[in-house]
Amino acid sequence: MPGRMTTPVRSIVAGLSLALMLITPAFADDEPAFEQTGRASWYGPGFHGKKTASGERFDQNDLTAAHRTLPLGSEVTVKNPENGREVEVQINDRGPYVKGRVIDLSSKAADHLGIKDDGTAKVKIEATEEQLAAAKKDDEQTAENSER
């Protein structure tokens, strides 16, 4: 009968459908759960060694950043659309406190993005659910360690 699939064709279609269902969740994890575009600045020597909002000491040579609202301990990818560079940083501080800026990067992170000489640059910040979950994991470990 025309229009009916034969058994081998049905098996192939079913196999391809199953493969697509198994592959799709892997791509969904890479979708940003958080996106923001704005100006980035950087901070370094004057803050080196001082306590951050997370309680750790600021190290200008680590890949870290300050953000007003992202959970402390979360990881984000910061992209410089002008030169195509990107870097993954951990949010460990609050700020920036300058109007019009969305993120303050450590000296090393700014260097990776090629923005140290200019001081500021337009960036895109992205974080997947997996990257944001790093903060939850850190919070749970901290709570667990403090109970001991």
Protein backbone atom coordinates (compact mmCIF):
# COMPACT_ATOMS: atom_id res chain seq x y z
CA MET A 1 0.00 0.00 0.00
CA PRO A 2 1.37 3.42 -0.93
CA GLY A 3 2.13 5.75 2.00
CA ARG A 4 2.88 2.96 4.49
CA MET A 5 6.41 2.48 5.76
CA THR A 6 7.99 -0.91 5.49
CA THR A 7 9.38 -2.54 8.63
CA PRO A 8 13.08 -1.75 7.85
CA VAL A 9 12.22 1.90 7.16
CA ARG A 10 10.21 2.08 10.39
CA SER A 11 13.17 0.68 12.31
CA ILE A 12 15.51 3.26 10.82
CA VAL A 13 13.12 6.13 11.57
CA ALA A 14 12.61 4.87 15.14
CA GLY A 15 16.37 4.54 15.63
CA LEU A 16 17.02 8.05 14.34
CA SER A 17 14.25 9.45 16.54
CA LEU A 18 15.72 7.75 19.60
CA ALA A 19 19.21 9.02 18.77
CA LEU A 20 17.87 12.57 18.39
CA MET A 21 16.10 12.38 21.76
CA LEU A 22 19.30 11.20 23.44
CA ILE A 23 21.45 13.89 21.83
CA THR A 24 19.10 16.86 22.35
CA PRO A 25 19.50 17.13 26.16
CA ALA A 26 23.28 17.43 25.76
CA PHE A 27 22.82 20.52 23.60
CA ALA A 28 20.17 21.96 25.92
CA ASP A 29 22.73 22.05 28.78
CA ASP A 30 24.89 24.42 26.75
CA GLU A 31 22.10 26.96 26.35
CA PRO A 32 22.69 30.07 28.47
CA ALA A 33 20.42 30.34 31.50
CA PHE A 34 21.79 33.86 32.05
CA GLU A 35 22.82 36.44 29.46
CA GLN A 36 23.83 40.06 29.89
CA THR A 37 25.58 42.58 27.68
CA GLY A 38 27.25 45.72 28.96
CA ARG A 39 30.54 47.36 29.89
CA ALA A 40 33.20 45.55 31.83
CA SER A 41 36.01 47.09 33.81
CA TRP A 42 38.82 45.51 35.79
CA TYR A 43 40.41 45.87 39.18
CA GLY A 44 43.72 44.69 40.48
CA PRO A 45 46.64 46.04 42.53
CA GLY A 46 44.68 48.32 44.87
CA PHE A 47 42.41 45.44 45.95
CA HIS A 48 44.92 42.59 45.88
CA GLY A 49 44.80 40.66 49.18
CA LYS A 50 41.61 42.34 50.45
CA LYS A 51 38.58 40.27 51.39
CA THR A 52 35.90 39.80 48.76
CA ALA A 53 32.17 39.44 49.37
CA SER A 54 32.64 35.66 49.32
CA GLY A 55 35.09 35.90 52.22
CA GLU A 56 38.14 34.86 50.24
CA ARG A 57 41.06 37.15 49.57
CA PHE A 58 41.12 38.87 46.20
CA ASP A 59 43.94 37.68 43.97
CA GLN A 60 44.33 39.78 40.85
CA ASN A 61 46.05 36.80 39.20
CA ASP A 62 42.99 34.51 39.51
CA LEU A 63 40.19 34.34 36.97
CA THR A 64 37.52 35.99 39.10
CA ALA A 65 35.00 38.80 38.84
CA ALA A 66 32.55 40.96 40.74
CA HIS A 67 28.87 41.09 39.73
CA ARG A 68 25.92 42.76 41.44
CA THR A 69 23.44 39.87 41.37
CA LEU A 70 24.93 36.58 40.19
CA PRO A 71 25.35 34.03 42.99
CA LEU A 72 28.76 34.07 44.64
CA GLY A 73 30.68 31.01 43.51
CA SER A 74 28.93 30.82 40.15
CA GLU A 75 30.99 30.56 37.00
CA VAL A 76 30.31 32.66 33.93
CA THR A 77 31.80 33.02 30.48
CA VAL A 78 32.70 36.58 29.53
CA LYS A 79 33.13 37.31 25.82
CA ASN A 80 34.73 40.30 24.14
CA PRO A 81 32.81 40.64 20.83
CA GLU A 82 35.38 43.09 19.47
CA ASN A 83 38.23 40.56 19.34
CA GLY A 84 36.43 37.22 19.82
CA ARG A 85 38.25 36.36 23.05
CA GLU A 86 36.47 34.76 25.98
CA VAL A 87 37.30 33.69 29.52
CA GLU A 88 35.53 31.75 32.25
CA VAL A 89 35.56 33.47 35.64
CA GLN A 90 34.20 32.71 39.08
CA ILE A 91 32.02 35.34 40.73
CA ASN A 92 33.53 35.99 44.16
CA ASP A 93 32.73 39.64 44.81
CA ARG A 94 30.02 42.29 44.47
CA GLY A 95 30.16 45.25 42.16
CA PRO A 96 30.88 47.10 40.02
CA TYR A 97 29.72 50.25 41.74
CA VAL A 98 30.20 52.51 38.72
CA LYS A 99 27.08 53.39 36.74
CA GLY A 100 26.93 51.73 33.34
CA ARG A 101 29.19 48.78 34.18
CA VAL A 102 27.95 45.21 34.58
CA ILE A 103 31.05 43.31 35.69
CA ASP A 104 34.44 44.00 37.27
CA LEU A 105 37.07 41.52 36.16
CA SER A 106 40.31 40.55 37.85
CA SER A 107 43.46 41.82 36.20
CA LYS A 108 44.19 38.37 34.75
CA ALA A 109 40.67 37.99 33.32
CA ALA A 110 40.87 41.45 31.73
CA ASP A 111 44.23 40.49 30.25
CA HIS A 112 42.71 37.32 28.73
CA LEU A 113 40.00 39.43 27.10
CA GLY A 114 42.45 42.05 25.86
CA ILE A 115 40.80 44.97 27.69
CA LYS A 116 43.48 46.00 30.19
CA ASP A 117 44.93 48.83 28.11
CA ASP A 118 41.54 50.41 27.38
CA GLY A 119 40.27 49.86 30.93
CA THR A 120 36.73 49.01 29.85
CA ALA A 121 35.05 47.21 26.99
CA LYS A 122 31.67 45.99 25.89
CA VAL A 123 31.25 42.32 26.85
CA LYS A 124 28.66 39.60 26.82
CA ILE A 125 28.23 37.52 29.98
CA GLU A 126 26.73 34.05 29.70
CA ALA A 127 26.17 31.26 32.18
CA THR A 128 24.65 27.84 31.68
CA GLU A 129 22.61 26.06 34.35
CA GLU A 130 25.68 23.90 34.97
CA GLN A 131 27.89 26.94 35.56
CA LEU A 132 25.36 28.51 37.93
CA ALA A 133 25.02 25.19 39.76
CA ALA A 134 28.68 25.49 40.81
CA ALA A 135 27.54 28.17 43.29
CA LYS A 136 24.90 25.87 44.78
CA LYS A 137 27.47 23.10 45.12
CA ASP A 138 29.85 25.48 46.91
CA ASP A 139 27.05 26.66 49.24
CA GLU A 140 26.13 23.08 50.12
CA GLN A 141 29.77 22.15 50.83
CA THR A 142 30.26 25.27 52.97
CA ALA A 143 27.11 24.49 54.98
CA GLU A 144 28.19 20.86 55.36
CA ASN A 145 31.70 21.85 56.53
CA SER A 146 30.36 24.37 59.05
CA GLU A 147 28.11 21.72 60.61
CA ARG A 148 31.13 19.58 61.45
